[in-house]
Amino acid sequence: MTAQLTLNELAALMKSAAGLTVDPKELANRQDATFADFGLDSLGLLGIVGELENRQGRPMPTDAERCKTPRDFLALVNTNSNTANDTVPTTGA
């Protein structure tokens, strides 16, 4: 995984942590759709947050599991990465 989360990685996390298959291109085209529109519930998002915490070895922002859209989630998580001096583009789809 890159320093910042990409749409491709988010789609992969949706599959591995929540069992939900979403095309990264669909995420890119519908970044403002709610996670519920993609079939992801709050427990699935919590699983994604937990997986990211395990991979990165640090906690995610406290509001990460409350994000409603992929755009909001990426912005919050990647802003958190920027504070750790990580600068990798967020595009990936």
C-alpha atoms as a PDB file:
ATOM      1  CA  MET A   1       0.000   0.000   0.000  1.00  0.00           C
ATOM      2  CA  THR A   2       1.224   3.497  -0.774  1.00  0.00           C
ATOM      3  CA  ALA A   3       1.637   6.181   1.873  1.00  0.00           C
ATOM      4  CA  GLN A   4      -1.719   7.624   0.888  1.00  0.00           C
ATOM      5  CA  LEU A   5      -4.798   5.594   0.168  1.00  0.00           C
ATOM      6  CA  THR A   6      -5.864   5.450  -3.492  1.00  0.00           C
ATOM      7  CA  LEU A   7      -9.222   4.538  -4.965  1.00  0.00           C
ATOM      8  CA  ASN A   8      -7.751   1.219  -6.125  1.00  0.00           C
ATOM      9  CA  GLU A   9      -6.626   0.440  -2.591  1.00  0.00           C
ATOM     10  CA  LEU A  10      -9.960   1.496  -1.138  1.00  0.00           C
ATOM     11  CA  ALA A  11     -11.727  -0.877  -3.545  1.00  0.00           C
ATOM     12  CA  ALA A  12      -9.349  -3.678  -2.513  1.00  0.00           C
ATOM     13  CA  LEU A  13     -10.012  -2.931   1.166  1.00  0.00           C
ATOM     14  CA  MET A  14     -13.746  -2.983   0.547  1.00  0.00           C
ATOM     15  CA  LYS A  15     -13.267  -6.489  -0.859  1.00  0.00           C
ATOM     16  CA  SER A  16     -10.889  -7.832   1.794  1.00  0.00           C
ATOM     17  CA  ALA A  17     -12.373  -6.196   4.895  1.00  0.00           C
ATOM     18  CA  ALA A  18     -16.067  -6.152   3.967  1.00  0.00           C
ATOM     19  CA  GLY A  19     -16.423  -8.766   1.218  1.00  0.00           C
ATOM     20  CA  LEU A  20     -17.778  -6.166  -1.202  1.00  0.00           C
ATOM     21  CA  THR A  21     -16.569  -6.002  -4.798  1.00  0.00           C
ATOM     22  CA  VAL A  22     -16.545  -2.489  -6.229  1.00  0.00           C
ATOM     23  CA  ASP A  23     -14.791  -1.444  -9.426  1.00  0.00           C
ATOM     24  CA  PRO A  24     -12.234   1.318  -8.678  1.00  0.00           C
ATOM     25  CA  LYS A  25     -13.466   3.156 -11.786  1.00  0.00           C
ATOM     26  CA  GLU A  26     -16.958   3.213 -10.309  1.00  0.00           C
ATOM     27  CA  LEU A  27     -15.527   4.662  -7.095  1.00  0.00           C
ATOM     28  CA  ALA A  28     -13.731   7.299  -9.151  1.00  0.00           C
ATOM     29  CA  ASN A  29     -16.895   8.209 -11.050  1.00  0.00           C
ATOM     30  CA  ARG A  30     -19.090   8.245  -7.939  1.00  0.00           C
ATOM     31  CA  GLN A  31     -16.812   9.580  -5.186  1.00  0.00           C
ATOM     32  CA  ASP A  32     -19.670  11.563  -3.664  1.00  0.00           C
ATOM     33  CA  ALA A  33     -22.071   8.615  -3.537  1.00  0.00           C
ATOM     34  CA  THR A  34     -22.526   7.253  -0.048  1.00  0.00           C
ATOM     35  CA  PHE A  35     -20.841   4.056   1.053  1.00  0.00           C
ATOM     36  CA  ALA A  36     -24.372   2.709   1.550  1.00  0.00           C
ATOM     37  CA  ASP A  37     -24.988   3.266  -2.182  1.00  0.00           C
ATOM     38  CA  PHE A  38     -22.119   0.824  -2.806  1.00  0.00           C
ATOM     39  CA  GLY A  39     -23.534  -1.633  -0.264  1.00  0.00           C
ATOM     40  CA  LEU A  40     -20.991  -0.871   2.479  1.00  0.00           C
ATOM     41  CA  ASP A  41     -22.431  -0.529   5.967  1.00  0.00           C
ATOM     42  CA  SER A  42     -20.866   0.996   9.086  1.00  0.00           C
ATOM     43  CA  LEU A  43     -19.392  -2.326  10.227  1.00  0.00           C
ATOM     44  CA  GLY A  44     -17.733  -2.774   6.851  1.00  0.00           C
ATOM     45  CA  LEU A  45     -16.231   0.694   7.063  1.00  0.00           C
ATOM     46  CA  LEU A  46     -15.051  -0.033  10.588  1.00  0.00           C
ATOM     47  CA  GLY A  47     -13.342  -3.155   9.215  1.00  0.00           C
ATOM     48  CA  ILE A  48     -11.575  -1.042   6.591  1.00  0.00           C
ATOM     49  CA  VAL A  49     -10.407   1.412   9.246  1.00  0.00           C
ATOM     50  CA  GLY A  50      -9.108  -1.467  11.373  1.00  0.00           C
ATOM     51  CA  GLU A  51      -7.264  -2.984   8.415  1.00  0.00           C
ATOM     52  CA  LEU A  52      -5.634   0.369   7.625  1.00  0.00           C
ATOM     53  CA  GLU A  53      -4.578   0.782  11.244  1.00  0.00           C
ATOM     54  CA  ASN A  54      -2.991  -2.662  11.192  1.00  0.00           C
ATOM     55  CA  ARG A  55      -1.175  -2.016   7.919  1.00  0.00           C
ATOM     56  CA  GLN A  56       0.084   1.425   8.870  1.00  0.00           C
ATOM     57  CA  GLY A  57       0.823   0.651  12.498  1.00  0.00           C
ATOM     58  CA  ARG A  58      -0.942   3.771  13.734  1.00  0.00           C
ATOM     59  CA  PRO A  59      -4.502   4.852  14.461  1.00  0.00           C
ATOM     60  CA  MET A  60      -6.682   6.422  11.819  1.00  0.00           C
ATOM     61  CA  PRO A  61      -8.427   9.735  12.530  1.00  0.00           C
ATOM     62  CA  THR A  62     -11.242   9.283  15.040  1.00  0.00           C
ATOM     63  CA  ASP A  63     -13.908  10.284  12.508  1.00  0.00           C
ATOM     64  CA  ALA A  64     -12.736   7.874   9.766  1.00  0.00           C
ATOM     65  CA  GLU A  65     -15.438   5.304  10.487  1.00  0.00           C
ATOM     66  CA  ARG A  66     -18.096   8.033  10.293  1.00  0.00           C
ATOM     67  CA  CYS A  67     -17.272   9.175   6.758  1.00  0.00           C
ATOM     68  CA  LYS A  68     -20.213   8.842   4.397  1.00  0.00           C
ATOM     69  CA  THR A  69     -18.517   8.951   0.984  1.00  0.00           C
ATOM     70  CA  PRO A  70     -15.305   7.649  -0.592  1.00  0.00           C
ATOM     71  CA  ARG A  71     -14.209  11.260  -1.244  1.00  0.00           C
ATOM     72  CA  ASP A  72     -14.636  12.213   2.421  1.00  0.00           C
ATOM     73  CA  PHE A  73     -12.891   9.043   3.596  1.00  0.00           C
ATOM     74  CA  LEU A  74      -9.882   9.509   1.304  1.00  0.00           C
ATOM     75  CA  ALA A  75      -9.596  13.190   2.198  1.00  0.00           C
ATOM     76  CA  LEU A  76      -9.617  12.456   5.929  1.00  0.00           C
ATOM     77  CA  VAL A  77      -7.290   9.464   5.819  1.00  0.00           C
ATOM     78  CA  ASN A  78      -4.866  11.087   3.374  1.00  0.00           C
ATOM     79  CA  THR A  79      -4.783  14.348   5.305  1.00  0.00           C
ATOM     80  CA  ASN A  80      -3.768  12.263   8.300  1.00  0.00           C
ATOM     81  CA  SER A  81      -0.994  10.723   6.160  1.00  0.00           C
ATOM     82  CA  ASN A  82       0.202  14.167   5.088  1.00  0.00           C
ATOM     83  CA  THR A  83       0.769  15.128   8.690  1.00  0.00           C
ATOM     84  CA  ALA A  84       3.205  12.237   8.842  1.00  0.00           C
ATOM     85  CA  ASN A  85       5.141  13.763   5.874  1.00  0.00           C
ATOM     86  CA  ASP A  86       3.873  11.236   3.340  1.00  0.00           C
ATOM     87  CA  THR A  87       3.280  12.739  -0.079  1.00  0.00           C
ATOM     88  CA  VAL A  88       1.979  10.250  -2.626  1.00  0.00           C
ATOM     89  CA  PRO A  89      -0.800  11.137  -5.103  1.00  0.00           C
ATOM     90  CA  THR A  90      -4.293   9.984  -4.154  1.00  0.00           C
ATOM     91  CA  THR A  91      -5.365   9.019  -7.641  1.00  0.00           C
ATOM     92  CA  GLY A  92      -5.380   5.421  -8.603  1.00  0.00           C
ATOM     93  CA  ALA A  93      -8.367   4.715 -10.787  1.00  0.00           C
END
